[in-house]
Amino acid sequence: MFTGLVQRTGEIVQLRPAEAGGVRLTVRSRAFDLTPSPGDSICVSGCCLTLVGEARSTGEQIEMDFDVIEESLAKTKLGGLAEGSRVNLETSCTPATLLGGHVVQGHVEGVGEVVRIESGESYEVTIRPPEKLMPCITPKGSITLDGISLTIAGVDVSGGTFHVALIPTTLGETTIGDAKVGEGMNIETDIMARTVVHYLQNYSPGGS
């Protein structure tokens, strides 16, 4: 489990075929306060991945390997990344971790499209998610974009979009400041909203 508070940004330094299929992804970042161990879960731009082998120290930086299966490559934006691409990183939380964001599982539900970016008095990004996710996206609720816990500033139900407002810290310390219109973002809706919608659609009287 994660909180959606990005701890580091990293760079993909190598992509190569994995022995079991898919790809092996090597990410370099500034070292964490606590070095991850083999088998640890790391949130990589919203995707929960398992650290393969030891994290290798290169001075103030570390390199980490992850195996990404074909399904993850097809259903997330990881399949479209290349060497040199930047990613958001967060180590898994503990019972003592401050929950400054919200509960994030690292289970990407779909890829949304950036349809508008406004950088006037405030910096706002508008996303068009897969239609199936819209019932779980509520104004002032939480959502995860590329592993970042964000508050939904507004929802256009008829237009099938929502937008988030970003502060300078988020723009400077994550990859979302690099976003461009037409690009994709990994989306995970709030687990509590998702659970309620699932129950109402499948088990409540009159649900469809």
N, C-alpha and C. Protein backbone atom coordinates (compact mmCIF):
# COMPACT_ATOMS: atom_id res chain seq x y z
N MET A 1 0.85 -1.18 0.00
CA MET A 1 0.00 0.00 0.00
C MET A 1 0.89 1.24 0.00
N PHE A 2 0.35 2.32 -0.60
CA PHE A 2 1.10 3.56 -0.72
C PHE A 2 0.20 4.73 -0.30
N THR A 3 0.77 5.93 -0.29
CA THR A 3 -0.01 7.11 0.10
C THR A 3 -0.20 8.11 -1.03
N GLY A 4 0.52 7.92 -2.13
CA GLY A 4 0.42 8.87 -3.24
C GLY A 4 1.26 10.11 -3.06
N LEU A 5 2.12 10.12 -2.02
CA LEU A 5 3.06 11.22 -1.85
C LEU A 5 4.40 10.79 -2.45
N VAL A 6 4.71 11.32 -3.62
CA VAL A 6 5.90 10.90 -4.35
C VAL A 6 7.16 11.27 -3.56
N GLN A 7 8.06 10.30 -3.40
CA GLN A 7 9.28 10.52 -2.64
C GLN A 7 10.47 10.89 -3.51
N ARG A 8 10.49 10.35 -4.71
CA ARG A 8 11.59 10.61 -5.64
C ARG A 8 11.04 10.58 -7.06
N THR A 9 11.72 11.27 -7.96
CA THR A 9 11.51 11.01 -9.38
C THR A 9 12.73 10.27 -9.88
N GLY A 10 12.51 9.37 -10.81
CA GLY A 10 13.61 8.57 -11.34
C GLY A 10 13.63 8.61 -12.85
N GLU A 11 14.69 8.08 -13.42
CA GLU A 11 14.84 8.01 -14.87
C GLU A 11 15.03 6.56 -15.29
N ILE A 12 14.30 6.17 -16.32
CA ILE A 12 14.51 4.83 -16.88
C ILE A 12 15.82 4.83 -17.65
N VAL A 13 16.76 4.00 -17.20
CA VAL A 13 18.08 3.98 -17.84
C VAL A 13 18.27 2.76 -18.72
N GLN A 14 17.40 1.76 -18.56
CA GLN A 14 17.53 0.58 -19.42
C GLN A 14 16.20 -0.16 -19.49
N LEU A 15 15.87 -0.64 -20.70
CA LEU A 15 14.73 -1.51 -20.95
C LEU A 15 15.23 -2.71 -21.73
N ARG A 16 14.95 -3.91 -21.24
CA ARG A 16 15.39 -5.11 -21.96
C ARG A 16 14.39 -6.23 -21.70
N PRO A 17 14.36 -7.23 -22.56
CA PRO A 17 13.40 -8.33 -22.36
C PRO A 17 13.67 -9.05 -21.05
N ALA A 18 12.59 -9.40 -20.34
CA ALA A 18 12.71 -10.17 -19.10
C ALA A 18 12.65 -11.66 -19.41
N GLU A 19 13.27 -12.47 -18.58
CA GLU A 19 13.33 -13.91 -18.82
C GLU A 19 11.94 -14.54 -18.88
N ALA A 20 11.03 -14.07 -18.06
CA ALA A 20 9.69 -14.66 -17.99
C ALA A 20 8.69 -13.96 -18.91
N GLY A 21 9.17 -13.10 -19.81
CA GLY A 21 8.30 -12.33 -20.68
C GLY A 21 8.16 -10.91 -20.16
N GLY A 22 7.64 -10.04 -21.00
CA GLY A 22 7.57 -8.64 -20.62
C GLY A 22 8.94 -7.99 -20.70
N VAL A 23 9.16 -7.00 -19.86
CA VAL A 23 10.45 -6.30 -19.90
C VAL A 23 11.02 -6.16 -18.50
N ARG A 24 12.32 -6.00 -18.44
CA ARG A 24 12.99 -5.63 -17.20
C ARG A 24 13.34 -4.15 -17.30
N LEU A 25 12.89 -3.42 -16.32
CA LEU A 25 13.00 -1.97 -16.28
C LEU A 25 14.04 -1.59 -15.24
N THR A 26 15.02 -0.80 -15.62
CA THR A 26 16.01 -0.30 -14.67
C THR A 26 15.79 1.19 -14.48
N VAL A 27 15.60 1.59 -13.21
CA VAL A 27 15.32 2.98 -12.87
C VAL A 27 16.43 3.51 -11.98
N ARG A 28 16.89 4.71 -12.27
CA ARG A 28 17.90 5.37 -11.44
C ARG A 28 17.25 6.59 -10.77
N SER A 29 17.52 6.72 -9.47
CA SER A 29 16.97 7.87 -8.75
C SER A 29 17.91 8.27 -7.63
N ARG A 30 17.62 9.39 -7.02
CA ARG A 30 18.32 9.77 -5.79
C ARG A 30 17.99 8.74 -4.72
N ALA A 31 18.96 8.39 -3.89
CA ALA A 31 18.77 7.33 -2.90
C ALA A 31 17.64 7.67 -1.94
N PHE A 32 16.92 6.64 -1.49
CA PHE A 32 15.89 6.81 -0.48
C PHE A 32 16.53 6.87 0.90
N ASP A 33 15.78 7.37 1.88
CA ASP A 33 16.28 7.41 3.25
C ASP A 33 16.57 6.00 3.76
N LEU A 34 15.71 5.04 3.36
CA LEU A 34 15.90 3.63 3.70
C LEU A 34 16.00 2.85 2.40
N THR A 35 17.16 2.23 2.16
CA THR A 35 17.38 1.53 0.90
C THR A 35 16.40 0.36 0.76
N PRO A 36 15.66 0.28 -0.35
CA PRO A 36 14.74 -0.84 -0.55
C PRO A 36 15.49 -2.17 -0.61
N SER A 37 14.78 -3.23 -0.19
CA SER A 37 15.34 -4.58 -0.20
C SER A 37 14.71 -5.41 -1.31
N PRO A 38 15.37 -6.47 -1.75
CA PRO A 38 14.79 -7.34 -2.77
C PRO A 38 13.40 -7.81 -2.36
N GLY A 39 12.47 -7.74 -3.30
CA GLY A 39 11.09 -8.16 -3.02
C GLY A 39 10.20 -7.05 -2.53
N ASP A 40 10.77 -5.89 -2.20
CA ASP A 40 9.95 -4.76 -1.76
C ASP A 40 9.05 -4.27 -2.89
N SER A 41 7.90 -3.74 -2.50
CA SER A 41 6.99 -3.13 -3.46
C SER A 41 7.32 -1.65 -3.60
N ILE A 42 7.44 -1.20 -4.84
CA ILE A 42 7.70 0.21 -5.14
C ILE A 42 6.63 0.68 -6.12
N CYS A 43 6.07 1.84 -5.85
CA CYS A 43 5.09 2.42 -6.77
C CYS A 43 5.86 3.21 -7.84
N VAL A 44 5.75 2.76 -9.09
CA VAL A 44 6.45 3.39 -10.21
C VAL A 44 5.40 4.04 -11.11
N SER A 45 5.27 5.35 -10.99
CA SER A 45 4.26 6.11 -11.73
C SER A 45 2.88 5.47 -11.61
N GLY A 46 2.55 5.05 -10.39
CA GLY A 46 1.22 4.51 -10.11
C GLY A 46 1.11 3.01 -10.17
N CYS A 47 2.14 2.31 -10.67
CA CYS A 47 2.09 0.85 -10.80
C CYS A 47 2.90 0.21 -9.67
N CYS A 48 2.29 -0.69 -8.95
CA CYS A 48 3.00 -1.42 -7.90
C CYS A 48 3.89 -2.47 -8.54
N LEU A 49 5.21 -2.32 -8.40
CA LEU A 49 6.17 -3.25 -8.98
C LEU A 49 7.06 -3.79 -7.88
N THR A 50 7.61 -4.98 -8.12
CA THR A 50 8.46 -5.65 -7.14
C THR A 50 9.93 -5.46 -7.50
N LEU A 51 10.71 -5.05 -6.52
CA LEU A 51 12.14 -4.87 -6.74
C LEU A 51 12.81 -6.22 -6.95
N VAL A 52 13.51 -6.35 -8.07
CA VAL A 52 14.22 -7.58 -8.42
C VAL A 52 15.69 -7.43 -8.01
N GLY A 53 16.15 -8.26 -7.10
CA GLY A 53 17.54 -8.19 -6.67
C GLY A 53 17.82 -6.97 -5.80
N GLU A 54 19.09 -6.74 -5.57
CA GLU A 54 19.51 -5.64 -4.70
C GLU A 54 19.46 -4.31 -5.44
N ALA A 55 19.10 -3.25 -4.73
CA ALA A 55 19.25 -1.90 -5.27
C ALA A 55 20.73 -1.56 -5.27
N ARG A 56 21.24 -1.09 -6.39
CA ARG A 56 22.67 -0.83 -6.53
C ARG A 56 22.96 0.64 -6.27
N SER A 57 23.88 0.89 -5.35
CA SER A 57 24.24 2.26 -4.99
C SER A 57 25.30 2.79 -5.94
N THR A 58 25.06 4.02 -6.43
CA THR A 58 26.05 4.69 -7.28
C THR A 58 26.30 6.07 -6.69
N GLY A 59 26.90 6.09 -5.53
CA GLY A 59 27.11 7.36 -4.84
C GLY A 59 25.83 7.81 -4.16
N GLU A 60 25.34 8.98 -4.52
CA GLU A 60 24.11 9.50 -3.94
C GLU A 60 22.87 8.97 -4.66
N GLN A 61 23.07 8.13 -5.66
CA GLN A 61 21.95 7.57 -6.41
C GLN A 61 21.90 6.06 -6.27
N ILE A 62 20.74 5.49 -6.62
CA ILE A 62 20.61 4.04 -6.66
C ILE A 62 19.96 3.64 -7.99
N GLU A 63 20.22 2.40 -8.37
CA GLU A 63 19.56 1.82 -9.54
C GLU A 63 18.76 0.61 -9.09
N MET A 64 17.54 0.48 -9.61
CA MET A 64 16.64 -0.60 -9.21
C MET A 64 16.08 -1.27 -10.45
N ASP A 65 15.92 -2.60 -10.38
CA ASP A 65 15.38 -3.38 -11.49
C ASP A 65 13.97 -3.85 -11.14
N PHE A 66 13.08 -3.81 -12.14
CA PHE A 66 11.72 -4.30 -11.98
C PHE A 66 11.33 -5.09 -13.23
N ASP A 67 10.63 -6.21 -13.03
CA ASP A 67 10.06 -6.94 -14.15
C ASP A 67 8.62 -6.50 -14.35
N VAL A 68 8.28 -6.15 -15.57
CA VAL A 68 6.93 -5.67 -15.89
C VAL A 68 6.30 -6.66 -16.87
N ILE A 69 5.19 -7.28 -16.47
CA ILE A 69 4.56 -8.30 -17.30
C ILE A 69 3.80 -7.66 -18.46
N GLU A 70 3.46 -8.48 -19.46
CA GLU A 70 2.81 -7.98 -20.66
C GLU A 70 1.49 -7.27 -20.35
N GLU A 71 0.72 -7.81 -19.40
CA GLU A 71 -0.56 -7.20 -19.06
C GLU A 71 -0.37 -5.77 -18.55
N SER A 72 0.62 -5.58 -17.70
CA SER A 72 0.90 -4.24 -17.19
C SER A 72 1.37 -3.30 -18.29
N LEU A 73 2.16 -3.82 -19.21
CA LEU A 73 2.62 -3.00 -20.33
C LEU A 73 1.45 -2.57 -21.21
N ALA A 74 0.45 -3.47 -21.36
CA ALA A 74 -0.68 -3.17 -22.23
C ALA A 74 -1.71 -2.26 -21.58
N LYS A 75 -1.87 -2.37 -20.25
CA LYS A 75 -2.96 -1.67 -19.58
C LYS A 75 -2.54 -0.39 -18.85
N THR A 76 -1.24 -0.09 -18.86
CA THR A 76 -0.74 1.14 -18.22
C THR A 76 0.14 1.88 -19.22
N LYS A 77 0.58 3.07 -18.83
CA LYS A 77 1.45 3.83 -19.72
C LYS A 77 2.89 3.36 -19.69
N LEU A 78 3.20 2.38 -18.83
CA LEU A 78 4.57 1.86 -18.78
C LEU A 78 5.00 1.29 -20.13
N GLY A 79 4.01 0.76 -20.87
CA GLY A 79 4.33 0.18 -22.17
C GLY A 79 4.79 1.21 -23.19
N GLY A 80 4.51 2.48 -22.94
CA GLY A 80 4.89 3.52 -23.88
C GLY A 80 6.11 4.31 -23.47
N LEU A 81 6.69 3.96 -22.31
CA LEU A 81 7.87 4.68 -21.85
C LEU A 81 9.13 4.15 -22.53
N ALA A 82 10.17 4.96 -22.51
CA ALA A 82 11.43 4.60 -23.16
C ALA A 82 12.59 4.99 -22.26
N GLU A 83 13.77 4.56 -22.63
CA GLU A 83 14.96 4.98 -21.87
C GLU A 83 15.03 6.51 -21.89
N GLY A 84 15.24 7.08 -20.71
CA GLY A 84 15.24 8.53 -20.58
C GLY A 84 13.94 9.09 -20.02
N SER A 85 12.87 8.28 -20.04
CA SER A 85 11.60 8.74 -19.48
C SER A 85 11.70 8.89 -17.97
N ARG A 86 11.00 9.88 -17.43
CA ARG A 86 10.97 10.09 -15.99
C ARG A 86 9.75 9.42 -15.38
N VAL A 87 9.93 8.91 -14.15
CA VAL A 87 8.85 8.24 -13.44
C VAL A 87 8.80 8.73 -11.99
N ASN A 88 7.62 8.64 -11.38
CA ASN A 88 7.45 8.96 -9.97
C ASN A 88 7.66 7.70 -9.14
N LEU A 89 8.28 7.84 -7.97
CA LEU A 89 8.61 6.69 -7.14
C LEU A 89 8.14 6.90 -5.70
N GLU A 90 7.62 5.83 -5.11
CA GLU A 90 7.26 5.84 -3.69
C GLU A 90 7.44 4.44 -3.13
N THR A 91 8.12 4.33 -2.00
CA THR A 91 8.23 3.03 -1.33
C THR A 91 6.93 2.76 -0.57
N SER A 92 6.67 1.49 -0.27
CA SER A 92 5.43 1.13 0.41
C SER A 92 5.40 1.70 1.83
N CYS A 93 4.19 1.98 2.31
CA CYS A 93 4.05 2.59 3.62
C CYS A 93 3.99 1.53 4.72
N THR A 94 4.12 1.97 5.95
CA THR A 94 4.05 1.11 7.13
C THR A 94 2.93 1.63 8.02
N PRO A 95 2.56 0.88 9.08
CA PRO A 95 1.53 1.38 10.00
C PRO A 95 1.89 2.72 10.64
N ALA A 96 3.17 3.08 10.63
CA ALA A 96 3.59 4.34 11.24
C ALA A 96 3.70 5.49 10.24
N THR A 97 3.43 5.20 8.96
CA THR A 97 3.56 6.22 7.93
C THR A 97 2.45 7.25 8.05
N LEU A 98 2.80 8.53 7.95
CA LEU A 98 1.78 9.57 7.91
C LEU A 98 1.01 9.46 6.60
N LEU A 99 -0.32 9.39 6.69
CA LEU A 99 -1.15 9.25 5.50
C LEU A 99 -1.49 10.65 4.98
N GLY A 100 -0.49 11.31 4.42
CA GLY A 100 -0.68 12.67 3.95
C GLY A 100 -1.45 12.74 2.65
N GLY A 101 -1.49 11.63 1.91
CA GLY A 101 -2.27 11.58 0.69
C GLY A 101 -3.57 10.82 0.93
N HIS A 102 -3.69 9.64 0.29
CA HIS A 102 -4.82 8.75 0.57
C HIS A 102 -4.36 7.32 0.28
N VAL A 103 -5.20 6.35 0.56
CA VAL A 103 -4.82 4.96 0.38
C VAL A 103 -4.70 4.65 -1.11
N VAL A 104 -3.50 4.27 -1.52
CA VAL A 104 -3.21 3.94 -2.92
C VAL A 104 -2.71 2.51 -2.98
N GLN A 105 -3.30 1.71 -3.85
CA GLN A 105 -2.91 0.30 -3.97
C GLN A 105 -1.82 0.06 -5.00
N GLY A 106 -1.70 0.96 -5.95
CA GLY A 106 -0.76 0.72 -7.04
C GLY A 106 -1.34 -0.16 -8.12
N HIS A 107 -2.68 -0.23 -8.18
CA HIS A 107 -3.39 -1.02 -9.19
C HIS A 107 -4.00 -0.06 -10.21
N VAL A 108 -3.32 0.16 -11.29
CA VAL A 108 -3.79 1.10 -12.31
C VAL A 108 -5.04 0.54 -12.98
N GLU A 109 -6.09 1.36 -13.05
CA GLU A 109 -7.35 0.91 -13.65
C GLU A 109 -7.49 1.30 -15.12
N GLY A 110 -6.71 2.22 -15.55
CA GLY A 110 -6.79 2.66 -16.94
C GLY A 110 -5.89 3.85 -17.17
N VAL A 111 -5.77 4.24 -18.42
CA VAL A 111 -4.95 5.39 -18.80
C VAL A 111 -5.86 6.49 -19.30
N GLY A 112 -5.76 7.66 -18.67
CA GLY A 112 -6.54 8.82 -19.10
C GLY A 112 -5.72 9.70 -20.02
N GLU A 113 -6.42 10.52 -20.79
CA GLU A 113 -5.76 11.42 -21.74
C GLU A 113 -5.79 12.85 -21.22
N VAL A 114 -4.65 13.52 -21.27
CA VAL A 114 -4.59 14.93 -20.94
C VAL A 114 -5.24 15.71 -22.08
N VAL A 115 -6.34 16.42 -21.80
CA VAL A 115 -7.04 17.15 -22.86
C VAL A 115 -6.87 18.66 -22.77
N ARG A 116 -6.46 19.15 -21.61
CA ARG A 116 -6.25 20.60 -21.48
C ARG A 116 -5.31 20.89 -20.31
N ILE A 117 -4.46 21.89 -20.50
CA ILE A 117 -3.58 22.38 -19.43
C ILE A 117 -3.71 23.89 -19.38
N GLU A 118 -4.05 24.41 -18.22
CA GLU A 118 -4.17 25.84 -18.03
C GLU A 118 -3.15 26.29 -16.99
N SER A 119 -2.35 27.27 -17.34
CA SER A 119 -1.27 27.71 -16.44
C SER A 119 -1.33 29.20 -16.19
N GLY A 120 -2.54 29.71 -15.98
CA GLY A 120 -2.70 31.14 -15.68
C GLY A 120 -2.51 31.41 -14.21
N GLU A 121 -3.57 31.91 -13.55
CA GLU A 121 -3.48 32.18 -12.12
C GLU A 121 -3.28 30.90 -11.32
N SER A 122 -3.81 29.80 -11.84
CA SER A 122 -3.58 28.49 -11.22
C SER A 122 -3.23 27.50 -12.33
N TYR A 123 -2.57 26.42 -11.94
CA TYR A 123 -2.15 25.41 -12.91
C TYR A 123 -3.13 24.24 -12.82
N GLU A 124 -3.92 24.04 -13.87
CA GLU A 124 -4.93 23.00 -13.86
C GLU A 124 -4.74 22.07 -15.05
N VAL A 125 -4.94 20.78 -14.79
CA VAL A 125 -4.83 19.76 -15.83
C VAL A 125 -6.17 19.04 -15.92
N THR A 126 -6.70 18.97 -17.13
CA THR A 126 -7.97 18.27 -17.37
C THR A 126 -7.70 16.93 -18.03
N ILE A 127 -8.33 15.90 -17.50
CA ILE A 127 -8.09 14.52 -17.94
C ILE A 127 -9.40 13.90 -18.44
N ARG A 128 -9.33 13.15 -19.52
CA ARG A 128 -10.46 12.32 -19.95
C ARG A 128 -10.13 10.86 -19.61
N PRO A 129 -10.75 10.31 -18.57
CA PRO A 129 -10.46 8.93 -18.18
C PRO A 129 -11.28 7.95 -19.01
N PRO A 130 -10.96 6.66 -18.93
CA PRO A 130 -11.87 5.67 -19.52
C PRO A 130 -13.27 5.85 -18.94
N GLU A 131 -14.28 5.71 -19.77
CA GLU A 131 -15.66 5.99 -19.36
C GLU A 131 -16.08 5.20 -18.13
N LYS A 132 -15.59 3.97 -18.01
CA LYS A 132 -16.00 3.11 -16.90
C LYS A 132 -15.57 3.65 -15.54
N LEU A 133 -14.59 4.55 -15.52
CA LEU A 133 -14.09 5.08 -14.25
C LEU A 133 -14.86 6.31 -13.76
N MET A 134 -15.63 6.94 -14.63
CA MET A 134 -16.29 8.20 -14.26
C MET A 134 -17.18 8.10 -13.02
N PRO A 135 -17.93 7.01 -12.80
CA PRO A 135 -18.77 6.96 -11.59
C PRO A 135 -17.97 7.01 -10.29
N CYS A 136 -16.68 6.68 -10.34
CA CYS A 136 -15.85 6.67 -9.13
C CYS A 136 -15.11 7.99 -8.92
N ILE A 137 -15.32 8.95 -9.81
CA ILE A 137 -14.59 10.21 -9.76
C ILE A 137 -15.55 11.30 -9.28
N THR A 138 -15.32 11.78 -8.07
CA THR A 138 -16.25 12.72 -7.44
C THR A 138 -15.55 14.03 -7.08
N PRO A 139 -16.25 15.17 -7.21
CA PRO A 139 -15.65 16.46 -6.84
C PRO A 139 -15.16 16.45 -5.40
N LYS A 140 -13.94 16.96 -5.20
CA LYS A 140 -13.28 17.03 -3.90
C LYS A 140 -12.86 15.66 -3.36
N GLY A 141 -13.04 14.63 -4.16
CA GLY A 141 -12.55 13.30 -3.79
C GLY A 141 -11.08 13.16 -4.17
N SER A 142 -10.53 11.99 -3.89
CA SER A 142 -9.11 11.74 -4.18
C SER A 142 -8.97 10.89 -5.44
N ILE A 143 -7.87 11.09 -6.13
CA ILE A 143 -7.54 10.27 -7.29
C ILE A 143 -6.02 10.20 -7.41
N THR A 144 -5.54 9.13 -8.01
CA THR A 144 -4.10 8.96 -8.21
C THR A 144 -3.78 9.08 -9.69
N LEU A 145 -2.91 10.02 -10.04
CA LEU A 145 -2.45 10.20 -11.41
C LEU A 145 -0.95 9.96 -11.45
N ASP A 146 -0.53 8.94 -12.19
CA ASP A 146 0.89 8.59 -12.27
C ASP A 146 1.52 8.46 -10.88
N GLY A 147 0.75 7.91 -9.94
CA GLY A 147 1.26 7.68 -8.60
C GLY A 147 1.15 8.85 -7.66
N ILE A 148 0.56 9.97 -8.10
CA ILE A 148 0.45 11.18 -7.29
C ILE A 148 -0.96 11.27 -6.70
N SER A 149 -1.07 11.40 -5.40
CA SER A 149 -2.36 11.61 -4.76
C SER A 149 -2.80 13.05 -4.98
N LEU A 150 -3.96 13.23 -5.61
CA LEU A 150 -4.46 14.56 -5.93
C LEU A 150 -5.94 14.69 -5.56
N THR A 151 -6.36 15.90 -5.31
CA THR A 151 -7.77 16.19 -5.06
C THR A 151 -8.44 16.60 -6.36
N ILE A 152 -9.59 16.02 -6.62
CA ILE A 152 -10.34 16.34 -7.83
C ILE A 152 -11.00 17.71 -7.65
N ALA A 153 -10.59 18.67 -8.46
CA ALA A 153 -11.11 20.03 -8.33
C ALA A 153 -12.50 20.17 -8.93
N GLY A 154 -12.80 19.40 -9.96
CA GLY A 154 -14.10 19.49 -10.60
C GLY A 154 -14.31 18.34 -11.56
N VAL A 155 -15.58 18.03 -11.82
CA VAL A 155 -15.94 16.93 -12.71
C VAL A 155 -16.96 17.43 -13.73
N ASP A 156 -16.72 17.17 -15.00
CA ASP A 156 -17.67 17.46 -16.07
C ASP A 156 -18.27 16.13 -16.50
N VAL A 157 -19.41 15.78 -15.89
CA VAL A 157 -20.01 14.48 -16.14
C VAL A 157 -20.41 14.33 -17.60
N SER A 158 -21.06 15.33 -18.16
CA SER A 158 -21.53 15.23 -19.54
C SER A 158 -20.37 15.17 -20.53
N GLY A 159 -19.26 15.86 -20.18
CA GLY A 159 -18.10 15.85 -21.07
C GLY A 159 -17.15 14.70 -20.84
N GLY A 160 -17.38 13.97 -19.74
CA GLY A 160 -16.54 12.81 -19.44
C GLY A 160 -15.13 13.16 -19.04
N THR A 161 -14.96 14.31 -18.34
CA THR A 161 -13.63 14.72 -17.92
C THR A 161 -13.65 15.16 -16.46
N PHE A 162 -12.46 15.32 -15.89
CA PHE A 162 -12.29 15.93 -14.57
C PHE A 162 -11.00 16.73 -14.61
N HIS A 163 -10.84 17.63 -13.63
CA HIS A 163 -9.60 18.39 -13.60
C HIS A 163 -9.06 18.47 -12.19
N VAL A 164 -7.75 18.67 -12.11
CA VAL A 164 -7.04 18.82 -10.84
C VAL A 164 -6.27 20.12 -10.89
N ALA A 165 -6.14 20.75 -9.74
CA ALA A 165 -5.35 21.98 -9.61
C ALA A 165 -4.05 21.63 -8.89
N LEU A 166 -2.95 22.15 -9.40
CA LEU A 166 -1.63 21.74 -8.91
C LEU A 166 -0.88 22.91 -8.28
N ILE A 167 -0.21 22.63 -7.17
CA ILE A 167 0.60 23.63 -6.49
C ILE A 167 2.05 23.53 -7.00
N PRO A 168 2.84 24.57 -6.83
CA PRO A 168 4.22 24.55 -7.33
C PRO A 168 5.05 23.37 -6.81
N THR A 169 4.83 22.96 -5.55
CA THR A 169 5.59 21.83 -5.00
C THR A 169 5.33 20.57 -5.80
N THR A 170 4.07 20.30 -6.10
CA THR A 170 3.74 19.11 -6.88
C THR A 170 4.33 19.18 -8.28
N LEU A 171 4.27 20.34 -8.89
CA LEU A 171 4.83 20.51 -10.24
C LEU A 171 6.35 20.31 -10.23
N GLY A 172 7.00 20.76 -9.15
CA GLY A 172 8.45 20.70 -9.11
C GLY A 172 9.02 19.37 -8.68
N GLU A 173 8.25 18.60 -7.89
CA GLU A 173 8.80 17.38 -7.30
C GLU A 173 8.22 16.10 -7.88
N THR A 174 7.40 16.21 -8.91
CA THR A 174 6.86 15.03 -9.59
C THR A 174 6.99 15.26 -11.10
N THR A 175 6.55 14.28 -11.85
CA THR A 175 6.64 14.39 -13.32
C THR A 175 5.45 15.09 -13.94
N ILE A 176 4.43 15.44 -13.16
CA ILE A 176 3.20 15.97 -13.76
C ILE A 176 3.43 17.32 -14.43
N GLY A 177 4.46 18.03 -14.01
CA GLY A 177 4.79 19.29 -14.66
C GLY A 177 5.27 19.10 -16.09
N ASP A 178 5.66 17.87 -16.45
CA ASP A 178 6.12 17.58 -17.81
C ASP A 178 4.96 17.22 -18.74
N ALA A 179 3.75 17.07 -18.18
CA ALA A 179 2.62 16.57 -18.97
C ALA A 179 2.31 17.49 -20.15
N LYS A 180 1.88 16.86 -21.24
CA LYS A 180 1.50 17.60 -22.45
C LYS A 180 0.13 17.10 -22.91
N VAL A 181 -0.60 17.98 -23.57
CA VAL A 181 -1.91 17.60 -24.11
C VAL A 181 -1.74 16.43 -25.07
N GLY A 182 -2.61 15.45 -24.92
CA GLY A 182 -2.55 14.25 -25.77
C GLY A 182 -1.83 13.09 -25.14
N GLU A 183 -1.06 13.35 -24.09
CA GLU A 183 -0.34 12.27 -23.42
C GLU A 183 -1.26 11.53 -22.45
N GLY A 184 -0.82 10.34 -22.05
CA GLY A 184 -1.60 9.52 -21.13
C GLY A 184 -1.11 9.65 -19.70
N MET A 185 -2.02 9.33 -18.76
CA MET A 185 -1.67 9.28 -17.34
C MET A 185 -2.32 8.04 -16.72
N ASN A 186 -1.53 7.32 -15.91
CA ASN A 186 -2.08 6.18 -15.19
C ASN A 186 -3.07 6.68 -14.15
N ILE A 187 -4.24 6.03 -14.09
CA ILE A 187 -5.29 6.44 -13.16
C ILE A 187 -5.65 5.29 -12.23
N GLU A 188 -5.72 5.61 -10.94
CA GLU A 188 -6.31 4.72 -9.94
C GLU A 188 -7.32 5.54 -9.15
N THR A 189 -8.58 5.13 -9.17
CA THR A 189 -9.59 5.85 -8.41
C THR A 189 -9.50 5.47 -6.93
N ASP A 190 -10.16 6.26 -6.11
CA ASP A 190 -10.14 6.04 -4.66
C ASP A 190 -10.82 4.71 -4.32
N ILE A 191 -10.16 3.87 -3.52
CA ILE A 191 -10.67 2.54 -3.21
C ILE A 191 -12.02 2.60 -2.51
N MET A 192 -12.25 3.61 -1.68
CA MET A 192 -13.53 3.71 -0.98
C MET A 192 -14.67 4.04 -1.95
N ALA A 193 -14.42 4.99 -2.85
CA ALA A 193 -15.43 5.32 -3.87
C ALA A 193 -15.67 4.12 -4.77
N ARG A 194 -14.60 3.44 -5.13
CA ARG A 194 -14.71 2.29 -6.04
C ARG A 194 -15.53 1.15 -5.41
N THR A 195 -15.31 0.93 -4.12
CA THR A 195 -16.04 -0.13 -3.43
C THR A 195 -17.53 0.18 -3.35
N VAL A 196 -17.88 1.44 -3.03
CA VAL A 196 -19.29 1.84 -2.96
C VAL A 196 -19.96 1.69 -4.32
N VAL A 197 -19.31 2.16 -5.37
CA VAL A 197 -19.88 2.06 -6.71
C VAL A 197 -20.06 0.60 -7.11
N HIS A 198 -19.08 -0.23 -6.82
CA HIS A 198 -19.18 -1.66 -7.15
C HIS A 198 -20.37 -2.31 -6.44
N TYR A 199 -20.53 -1.98 -5.17
CA TYR A 199 -21.65 -2.56 -4.41
C TYR A 199 -22.99 -2.09 -4.99
N LEU A 200 -23.13 -0.79 -5.23
CA LEU A 200 -24.39 -0.27 -5.73
C LEU A 200 -24.74 -0.83 -7.11
N GLN A 201 -23.72 -1.01 -7.94
CA GLN A 201 -23.96 -1.51 -9.30
C GLN A 201 -24.27 -3.00 -9.34
N ASN A 202 -23.78 -3.74 -8.35
CA ASN A 202 -23.88 -5.19 -8.45
C ASN A 202 -24.75 -5.86 -7.38
N TYR A 203 -24.94 -5.21 -6.24
CA TYR A 203 -25.61 -5.91 -5.15
C TYR A 203 -26.81 -5.18 -4.56
N SER A 204 -26.93 -3.89 -4.78
CA SER A 204 -28.05 -3.17 -4.19
C SER A 204 -29.31 -3.37 -5.03
N PRO A 205 -30.49 -3.31 -4.43
CA PRO A 205 -31.74 -3.43 -5.19
C PRO A 205 -31.80 -2.34 -6.26
N GLY A 206 -32.05 -2.76 -7.48
CA GLY A 206 -32.12 -1.80 -8.58
C GLY A 206 -30.79 -1.51 -9.22
N GLY A 207 -29.70 -2.09 -8.68
CA GLY A 207 -28.38 -1.88 -9.28
C GLY A 207 -28.30 -2.50 -10.65
N SER A 208 -27.44 -1.96 -11.50
CA SER A 208 -27.32 -2.50 -12.85
C SER A 208 -25.87 -2.85 -13.13
